[in-house]
């Protein structure tokens, strides 16, 4: 129904690659996965946690952004993305 990954090295953890099947969304699963990865990371010696998601836009609240903020993460910066097409 859902999956999430975390990379941890030398006390630094990065929460990444989370997805929930559409039929299981809006049940708090992503929130629980963010929480559990932090708990697991702390047990494994993590002391610094990062993650990334798209920036919210007016009229388009992003669930990932909201859940990370509610879990105590703070926005550090907004990264520009570039694309080139032939």
PDB file of N, CA and C in Angstrom:
ATOM      1  N   UNK A   1       0.802  -1.191   0.000  1.00  0.00           N
ATOM      2  CA  UNK A   1       0.000   0.000   0.000  1.00  0.00           C
ATOM      3  C   UNK A   1       0.846   1.256   0.000  1.00  0.00           C
ATOM      4  N   UNK A   2       2.058   1.229   0.632  1.00  0.00           N
ATOM      5  CA  UNK A   2       2.936   2.395   0.663  1.00  0.00           C
ATOM      6  C   UNK A   2       4.373   1.943   0.892  1.00  0.00           C
ATOM      7  N   UNK A   3       5.300   2.799   0.496  1.00  0.00           N
ATOM      8  CA  UNK A   3       6.719   2.492   0.653  1.00  0.00           C
ATOM      9  C   UNK A   3       7.470   3.797   0.895  1.00  0.00           C
ATOM     10  N   UNK A   4       8.562   3.716   1.637  1.00  0.00           N
ATOM     11  CA  UNK A   4       9.399   4.884   1.887  1.00  0.00           C
ATOM     12  C   UNK A   4      10.823   4.410   2.144  1.00  0.00           C
ATOM     13  N   UNK A   5      11.788   5.273   1.835  1.00  0.00           N
ATOM     14  CA  UNK A   5      13.194   4.932   2.039  1.00  0.00           C
ATOM     15  C   UNK A   5      13.880   6.031   2.834  1.00  0.00           C
ATOM     16  N   UNK A   6      14.990   5.647   3.459  1.00  0.00           N
ATOM     17  CA  UNK A   6      15.822   6.599   4.187  1.00  0.00           C
ATOM     18  C   UNK A   6      17.267   6.158   4.028  1.00  0.00           C
ATOM     19  N   UNK A   7      18.132   7.097   3.733  1.00  0.00           N
ATOM     20  CA  UNK A   7      19.565   6.840   3.679  1.00  0.00           C
ATOM     21  C   UNK A   7      20.184   7.453   4.922  1.00  0.00           C
ATOM     22  N   UNK A   8      21.072   6.721   5.582  1.00  0.00           N
ATOM     23  CA  UNK A   8      21.696   7.203   6.814  1.00  0.00           C
ATOM     24  C   UNK A   8      23.182   6.897   6.771  1.00  0.00           C
ATOM     25  N   UNK A   9      23.995   7.928   6.974  1.00  0.00           N
ATOM     26  CA  UNK A   9      25.436   7.744   7.025  1.00  0.00           C
ATOM     27  C   UNK A   9      26.041   8.828   7.902  1.00  0.00           C
ATOM     28  N   UNK A  10      26.898   8.423   8.805  1.00  0.00           N
ATOM     29  CA  UNK A  10      27.618   9.356   9.678  1.00  0.00           C
ATOM     30  C   UNK A  10      26.683  10.332  10.390  1.00  0.00           C
ATOM     31  N   UNK A  11      25.545   9.854  10.845  1.00  0.00           N
ATOM     32  CA  UNK A  11      24.610  10.672  11.605  1.00  0.00           C
ATOM     33  C   UNK A  11      23.662  11.515  10.777  1.00  0.00           C
ATOM     34  N   UNK A  12      23.872  11.550   9.460  1.00  0.00           N
ATOM     35  CA  UNK A  12      23.005  12.338   8.578  1.00  0.00           C
ATOM     36  C   UNK A  12      22.042  11.407   7.855  1.00  0.00           C
ATOM     37  N   UNK A  13      20.761  11.713   7.940  1.00  0.00           N
ATOM     38  CA  UNK A  13      19.735  10.879   7.312  1.00  0.00           C
ATOM     39  C   UNK A  13      18.964  11.702   6.291  1.00  0.00           C
ATOM     40  N   UNK A  14      18.614  11.060   5.193  1.00  0.00           N
ATOM     41  CA  UNK A  14      17.794  11.720   4.174  1.00  0.00           C
ATOM     42  C   UNK A  14      16.558  10.870   3.929  1.00  0.00           C
ATOM     43  N   UNK A  15      15.390  11.434   4.196  1.00  0.00           N
ATOM     44  CA  UNK A  15      14.121  10.754   3.940  1.00  0.00           C
ATOM     45  C   UNK A  15      13.785  10.958   2.469  1.00  0.00           C
ATOM     46  N   UNK A  16      13.576   9.862   1.751  1.00  0.00           N
ATOM     47  CA  UNK A  16      13.403   9.959   0.305  1.00  0.00           C
ATOM     48  C   UNK A  16      12.459   8.881  -0.210  1.00  0.00           C
ATOM     49  N   UNK A  17      12.084   8.999  -1.453  1.00  0.00           N
ATOM     50  CA  UNK A  17      11.361   7.950  -2.180  1.00  0.00           C
ATOM     51  C   UNK A  17      10.156   7.385  -1.443  1.00  0.00           C
ATOM     52  N   UNK A  18       9.177   8.213  -1.153  1.00  0.00           N
ATOM     53  CA  UNK A  18       7.946   7.740  -0.512  1.00  0.00           C
ATOM     54  C   UNK A  18       6.798   7.767  -1.517  1.00  0.00           C
ATOM     55  N   UNK A  19       5.954   6.752  -1.457  1.00  0.00           N
ATOM     56  CA  UNK A  19       4.790   6.688  -2.346  1.00  0.00           C
ATOM     57  C   UNK A  19       3.686   5.885  -1.675  1.00  0.00           C
ATOM     58  N   UNK A  20       2.451   6.285  -1.921  1.00  0.00           N
ATOM     59  CA  UNK A  20       1.278   5.582  -1.401  1.00  0.00           C
ATOM     60  C   UNK A  20       0.334   5.312  -2.565  1.00  0.00           C
ATOM     61  N   UNK A  21      -0.147   4.089  -2.669  1.00  0.00           N
ATOM     62  CA  UNK A  21      -1.113   3.763  -3.717  1.00  0.00           C
ATOM     63  C   UNK A  21      -2.347   4.644  -3.564  1.00  0.00           C
ATOM     64  N   UNK A  22      -2.913   5.061  -4.681  1.00  0.00           N
ATOM     65  CA  UNK A  22      -4.026   6.015  -4.651  1.00  0.00           C
ATOM     66  C   UNK A  22      -5.201   5.540  -3.799  1.00  0.00           C
ATOM     67  N   UNK A  23      -5.491   4.272  -3.773  1.00  0.00           N
ATOM     68  CA  UNK A  23      -6.604   3.758  -2.985  1.00  0.00           C
ATOM     69  C   UNK A  23      -6.386   3.809  -1.484  1.00  0.00           C
ATOM     70  N   UNK A  24      -5.155   4.112  -1.055  1.00  0.00           N
ATOM     71  CA  UNK A  24      -4.840   4.145   0.371  1.00  0.00           C
ATOM     72  C   UNK A  24      -4.471   5.543   0.852  1.00  0.00           C
ATOM     73  N   UNK A  25      -4.619   6.541   0.009  1.00  0.00           N
ATOM     74  CA  UNK A  25      -4.273   7.910   0.399  1.00  0.00           C
ATOM     75  C   UNK A  25      -5.339   8.488   1.318  1.00  0.00           C
ATOM     76  N   UNK A  26      -4.962   9.601   1.976  1.00  0.00           N
ATOM     77  CA  UNK A  26      -5.843  10.325   2.902  1.00  0.00           C
ATOM     78  C   UNK A  26      -6.169   9.501   4.147  1.00  0.00           C
ATOM     79  N   UNK A  27      -5.221   8.660   4.562  1.00  0.00           N
ATOM     80  CA  UNK A  27      -5.390   7.853   5.774  1.00  0.00           C
ATOM     81  C   UNK A  27      -4.273   8.087   6.783  1.00  0.00           C
ATOM     82  N   UNK A  28      -3.393   9.041   6.511  1.00  0.00           N
ATOM     83  CA  UNK A  28      -2.301   9.336   7.435  1.00  0.00           C
ATOM     84  C   UNK A  28      -1.082   8.446   7.265  1.00  0.00           C
ATOM     85  N   UNK A  29      -1.028   7.690   6.179  1.00  0.00           N
ATOM     86  CA  UNK A  29       0.085   6.759   5.985  1.00  0.00           C
ATOM     87  C   UNK A  29       1.398   7.504   5.770  1.00  0.00           C
ATOM     88  N   UNK A  30       1.393   8.537   4.941  1.00  0.00           N
ATOM     89  CA  UNK A  30       2.635   9.274   4.701  1.00  0.00           C
ATOM     90  C   UNK A  30       3.139   9.916   5.990  1.00  0.00           C
ATOM     91  N   UNK A  31       2.243  10.494   6.753  1.00  0.00           N
ATOM     92  CA  UNK A  31       2.615  11.094   8.035  1.00  0.00           C
ATOM     93  C   UNK A  31       3.265  10.046   8.934  1.00  0.00           C
ATOM     94  N   UNK A  32       2.680   8.859   8.984  1.00  0.00           N
ATOM     95  CA  UNK A  32       3.226   7.778   9.807  1.00  0.00           C
ATOM     96  C   UNK A  32       4.597   7.334   9.296  1.00  0.00           C
ATOM     97  N   UNK A  33       4.773   7.311   7.977  1.00  0.00           N
ATOM     98  CA  UNK A  33       6.068   6.894   7.428  1.00  0.00           C
ATOM     99  C   UNK A  33       7.158   7.926   7.709  1.00  0.00           C
ATOM    100  N   UNK A  34       6.830   9.209   7.664  1.00  0.00           N
ATOM    101  CA  UNK A  34       7.802  10.241   8.035  1.00  0.00           C
ATOM    102  C   UNK A  34       8.205  10.041   9.487  1.00  0.00           C
ATOM    103  N   UNK A  35       7.223   9.894  10.355  1.00  0.00           N
ATOM    104  CA  UNK A  35       7.486   9.707  11.783  1.00  0.00           C
ATOM    105  C   UNK A  35       8.351   8.469  12.033  1.00  0.00           C
ATOM    106  N   UNK A  36       7.994   7.346  11.427  1.00  0.00           N
ATOM    107  CA  UNK A  36       8.718   6.103  11.685  1.00  0.00           C
ATOM    108  C   UNK A  36      10.156   6.157  11.179  1.00  0.00           C
ATOM    109  N   UNK A  37      10.381   6.805  10.060  1.00  0.00           N
ATOM    110  CA  UNK A  37      11.758   6.924   9.567  1.00  0.00           C
ATOM    111  C   UNK A  37      12.606   7.771  10.500  1.00  0.00           C
ATOM    112  N   UNK A  38      12.041   8.820  11.072  1.00  0.00           N
ATOM    113  CA  UNK A  38      12.794   9.620  12.038  1.00  0.00           C
ATOM    114  C   UNK A  38      13.077   8.795  13.291  1.00  0.00           C
ATOM    115  N   UNK A  39      12.080   8.083  13.794  1.00  0.00           N
ATOM    116  CA  UNK A  39      12.275   7.225  14.970  1.00  0.00           C
ATOM    117  C   UNK A  39      13.370   6.198  14.696  1.00  0.00           C
ATOM    118  N   UNK A  40      13.277   5.514  13.556  1.00  0.00           N
ATOM    119  CA  UNK A  40      14.282   4.507  13.208  1.00  0.00           C
ATOM    120  C   UNK A  40      15.658   5.140  13.034  1.00  0.00           C
ATOM    121  N   UNK A  41      15.705   6.298  12.392  1.00  0.00           N
ATOM    122  CA  UNK A  41      16.975   6.986  12.193  1.00  0.00           C
ATOM    123  C   UNK A  41      17.629   7.388  13.501  1.00  0.00           C
ATOM    124  N   UNK A  42      16.834   7.857  14.456  1.00  0.00           N
ATOM    125  CA  UNK A  42      17.377   8.199  15.771  1.00  0.00           C
ATOM    126  C   UNK A  42      17.962   6.972  16.458  1.00  0.00           C
ATOM    127  N   UNK A  43      17.269   5.852  16.366  1.00  0.00           N
ATOM    128  CA  UNK A  43      17.759   4.605  16.969  1.00  0.00           C
ATOM    129  C   UNK A  43      19.071   4.150  16.338  1.00  0.00           C
ATOM    130  N   UNK A  44      19.260   4.478  15.069  1.00  0.00           N
ATOM    131  CA  UNK A  44      20.461   4.067  14.343  1.00  0.00           C
ATOM    132  C   UNK A  44      21.573   5.118  14.392  1.00  0.00           C
ATOM    133  N   UNK A  45      21.389   6.152  15.215  1.00  0.00           N
ATOM    134  CA  UNK A  45      22.434   7.152  15.395  1.00  0.00           C
ATOM    135  C   UNK A  45      22.278   8.418  14.581  1.00  0.00           C
ATOM    136  N   UNK A  46      21.158   8.581  13.928  1.00  0.00           N
ATOM    137  CA  UNK A  46      20.930   9.800  13.158  1.00  0.00           C
ATOM    138  C   UNK A  46      20.714  10.996  14.067  1.00  0.00           C
ATOM    139  N   UNK A  47      21.279  12.123  13.682  1.00  0.00           N
ATOM    140  CA  UNK A  47      21.080  13.341  14.472  1.00  0.00           C
ATOM    141  C   UNK A  47      20.731  14.532  13.580  1.00  0.00           C
ATOM    142  N   UNK A  48      20.758  14.328  12.279  1.00  0.00           N
ATOM    143  CA  UNK A  48      20.479  15.394  11.329  1.00  0.00           C
ATOM    144  C   UNK A  48      19.668  14.787  10.201  1.00  0.00           C
ATOM    145  N   UNK A  49      18.454  15.280   9.975  1.00  0.00           N
ATOM    146  CA  UNK A  49      17.530  14.693   9.012  1.00  0.00           C
ATOM    147  C   UNK A  49      17.156  15.709   7.938  1.00  0.00           C
ATOM    148  N   UNK A  50      17.144  15.263   6.700  1.00  0.00           N
ATOM    149  CA  UNK A  50      16.734  16.114   5.586  1.00  0.00           C
ATOM    150  C   UNK A  50      15.708  15.375   4.736  1.00  0.00           C
ATOM    151  N   UNK A  51      15.000  16.127   3.931  1.00  0.00           N
ATOM    152  CA  UNK A  51      14.077  15.568   2.957  1.00  0.00           C
ATOM    153  C   UNK A  51      13.858  16.634   1.903  1.00  0.00           C
ATOM    154  N   UNK A  52      13.161  16.306   0.846  1.00  0.00           N
ATOM    155  CA  UNK A  52      12.840  17.316  -0.156  1.00  0.00           C
ATOM    156  C   UNK A  52      11.485  17.021  -0.775  1.00  0.00           C
ATOM    157  N   UNK A  53      10.828  18.086  -1.161  1.00  0.00           N
ATOM    158  CA  UNK A  53       9.538  17.989  -1.842  1.00  0.00           C
ATOM    159  C   UNK A  53       9.341  19.271  -2.636  1.00  0.00           C
ATOM    160  N   UNK A  54       8.366  19.281  -3.488  1.00  0.00           N
ATOM    161  CA  UNK A  54       8.080  20.492  -4.257  1.00  0.00           C
ATOM    162  C   UNK A  54       7.584  21.596  -3.325  1.00  0.00           C
ATOM    163  N   UNK A  55       7.839  22.820  -3.718  1.00  0.00           N
ATOM    164  CA  UNK A  55       7.372  23.962  -2.930  1.00  0.00           C
ATOM    165  C   UNK A  55       5.872  24.143  -3.136  1.00  0.00           C
ATOM    166  N   UNK A  56       5.156  24.510  -2.079  1.00  0.00           N
ATOM    167  CA  UNK A  56       3.715  24.734  -2.231  1.00  0.00           C
ATOM    168  C   UNK A  56       3.450  25.985  -3.064  1.00  0.00           C
ATOM    169  N   UNK A  57       2.315  25.984  -3.749  1.00  0.00           N
ATOM    170  CA  UNK A  57       1.906  27.133  -4.560  1.00  0.00           C
ATOM    171  C   UNK A  57       0.510  27.546  -4.115  1.00  0.00           C
ATOM    172  N   UNK A  58       0.157  28.816  -4.259  1.00  0.00           N
ATOM    173  CA  UNK A  58      -1.193  29.251  -3.890  1.00  0.00           C
ATOM    174  C   UNK A  58      -2.252  28.402  -4.596  1.00  0.00           C
ATOM    175  N   UNK A  59      -3.194  27.912  -3.834  1.00  0.00           N
ATOM    176  CA  UNK A  59      -4.260  27.090  -4.381  1.00  0.00           C
ATOM    177  C   UNK A  59      -3.881  25.639  -4.608  1.00  0.00           C
ATOM    178  N   UNK A  60      -2.638  25.273  -4.310  1.00  0.00           N
ATOM    179  CA  UNK A  60      -2.180  23.898  -4.509  1.00  0.00           C
ATOM    180  C   UNK A  60      -1.408  23.432  -3.276  1.00  0.00           C
ATOM    181  N   UNK A  61      -2.124  23.124  -2.200  1.00  0.00           N
ATOM    182  CA  UNK A  61      -1.435  22.659  -0.996  1.00  0.00           C
ATOM    183  C   UNK A  61      -0.808  21.296  -1.268  1.00  0.00           C
ATOM    184  N   UNK A  62       0.419  21.148  -0.902  1.00  0.00           N
ATOM    185  CA  UNK A  62       1.120  19.889  -1.117  1.00  0.00           C
ATOM    186  C   UNK A  62       1.154  19.091   0.177  1.00  0.00           C
ATOM    187  N   UNK A  63       0.625  17.888   0.132  1.00  0.00           N
ATOM    188  CA  UNK A  63       0.535  17.047   1.322  1.00  0.00           C
ATOM    189  C   UNK A  63       1.922  16.726   1.861  1.00  0.00           C
ATOM    190  N   UNK A  64       2.868  16.423   0.986  1.00  0.00           N
ATOM    191  CA  UNK A  64       4.223  16.096   1.439  1.00  0.00           C
ATOM    192  C   UNK A  64       4.836  17.268   2.192  1.00  0.00           C
ATOM    193  N   UNK A  65       4.700  18.456   1.637  1.00  0.00           N
ATOM    194  CA  UNK A  65       5.241  19.652   2.290  1.00  0.00           C
ATOM    195  C   UNK A  65       4.587  19.850   3.654  1.00  0.00           C
ATOM    196  N   UNK A  66       3.278  19.737   3.699  1.00  0.00           N
ATOM    197  CA  UNK A  66       2.552  19.901   4.962  1.00  0.00           C
ATOM    198  C   UNK A  66       2.998  18.873   5.994  1.00  0.00           C
ATOM    199  N   UNK A  67       3.107  17.616   5.596  1.00  0.00           N
ATOM    200  CA  UNK A  67       3.485  16.568   6.544  1.00  0.00           C
ATOM    201  C   UNK A  67       4.903  16.754   7.073  1.00  0.00           C
ATOM    202  N   UNK A  68       5.821  17.189   6.229  1.00  0.00           N
ATOM    203  CA  UNK A  68       7.186  17.438   6.700  1.00  0.00           C
ATOM    204  C   UNK A  68       7.214  18.597   7.684  1.00  0.00           C
ATOM    205  N   UNK A  69       6.472  19.662   7.398  1.00  0.00           N
ATOM    206  CA  UNK A  69       6.425  20.804   8.327  1.00  0.00           C
ATOM    207  C   UNK A  69       5.826  20.385   9.664  1.00  0.00           C
ATOM    208  N   UNK A  70       4.755  19.608   9.620  1.00  0.00           N
ATOM    209  CA  UNK A  70       4.118  19.151  10.856  1.00  0.00           C
ATOM    210  C   UNK A  70       5.024  18.229  11.663  1.00  0.00           C
ATOM    211  N   UNK A  71       5.934  17.536  10.978  1.00  0.00           N
ATOM    212  CA  UNK A  71       6.864  16.634  11.661  1.00  0.00           C
ATOM    213  C   UNK A  71       8.058  17.389  12.242  1.00  0.00           C
ATOM    214  N   UNK A  72       8.117  18.701  12.018  1.00  0.00           N
ATOM    215  CA  UNK A  72       9.188  19.498  12.597  1.00  0.00           C
ATOM    216  C   UNK A  72      10.274  19.920  11.622  1.00  0.00           C
ATOM    217  N   UNK A  73      10.156  19.528  10.367  1.00  0.00           N
ATOM    218  CA  UNK A  73      11.139  19.947   9.369  1.00  0.00           C
ATOM    219  C   UNK A  73      10.894  21.407   9.007  1.00  0.00           C
ATOM    220  N   UNK A  74      11.972  22.130   8.720  1.00  0.00           N
ATOM    221  CA  UNK A  74      11.881  23.525   8.304  1.00  0.00           C
ATOM    222  C   UNK A  74      12.406  23.656   6.879  1.00  0.00           C
ATOM    223  N   UNK A  75      11.777  24.522   6.087  1.00  0.00           N
ATOM    224  CA  UNK A  75      12.242  24.727   4.725  1.00  0.00           C
ATOM    225  C   UNK A  75      13.589  25.442   4.761  1.00  0.00           C
ATOM    226  N   UNK A  76      14.577  24.861   4.104  1.00  0.00           N
ATOM    227  CA  UNK A  76      15.909  25.457   4.067  1.00  0.00           C
ATOM    228  C   UNK A  76      16.078  26.351   2.838  1.00  0.00           C
ATOM    229  N   UNK A  77      15.584  25.905   1.696  1.00  0.00           N
ATOM    230  CA  UNK A  77      15.693  26.685   0.473  1.00  0.00           C
ATOM    231  C   UNK A  77      14.793  26.073  -0.596  1.00  0.00           C
ATOM    232  N   UNK A  78      14.566  26.826  -1.669  1.00  0.00           N
ATOM    233  CA  UNK A  78      13.819  26.332  -2.827  1.00  0.00           C
ATOM    234  C   UNK A  78      14.824  26.144  -3.956  1.00  0.00           C
ATOM    235  N   UNK A  79      14.812  24.972  -4.544  1.00  0.00           N
ATOM    236  CA  UNK A  79      15.768  24.629  -5.599  1.00  0.00           C
ATOM    237  C   UNK A  79      15.098  24.764  -6.966  1.00  0.00           C
ATOM    238  N   UNK A  80      15.788  25.406  -7.882  1.00  0.00           N
ATOM    239  CA  UNK A  80      15.281  25.520  -9.253  1.00  0.00           C
ATOM    240  C   UNK A  80      15.522  24.209  -9.993  1.00  0.00           C
ATOM    241  N   UNK A  81      14.572  23.816 -10.821  1.00  0.00           N
ATOM    242  CA  UNK A  81      14.722  22.620 -11.644  1.00  0.00           C
ATOM    243  C   UNK A  81      14.744  23.051 -13.104  1.00  0.00           C
ATOM    244  N   UNK A  82      15.621  22.448 -13.864  1.00  0.00           N
ATOM    245  CA  UNK A  82      15.777  22.795 -15.271  1.00  0.00           C
ATOM    246  C   UNK A  82      15.499  21.572 -16.133  1.00  0.00           C
ATOM    247  N   UNK A  83      14.972  21.812 -17.319  1.00  0.00           N
ATOM    248  CA  UNK A  83      14.712  20.724 -18.259  1.00  0.00           C
ATOM    249  C   UNK A  83      15.146  21.183 -19.645  1.00  0.00           C
ATOM    250  N   UNK A  84      15.676  20.267 -20.410  1.00  0.00           N
ATOM    251  CA  UNK A  84      16.053  20.531 -21.788  1.00  0.00           C
ATOM    252  C   UNK A  84      15.422  19.466 -22.645  1.00  0.00           C
ATOM    253  N   UNK A  85      14.766  19.883 -23.697  1.00  0.00           N
ATOM    254  CA  UNK A  85      14.125  18.936 -24.602  1.00  0.00           C
ATOM    255  C   UNK A  85      14.596  19.183 -26.024  1.00  0.00           C
ATOM    256  N   UNK A  86      14.786  18.112 -26.767  1.00  0.00           N
ATOM    257  CA  UNK A  86      15.207  18.235 -28.173  1.00  0.00           C
ATOM    258  C   UNK A  86      13.995  18.459 -29.055  1.00  0.00           C
TER     259      UNK A  86
END
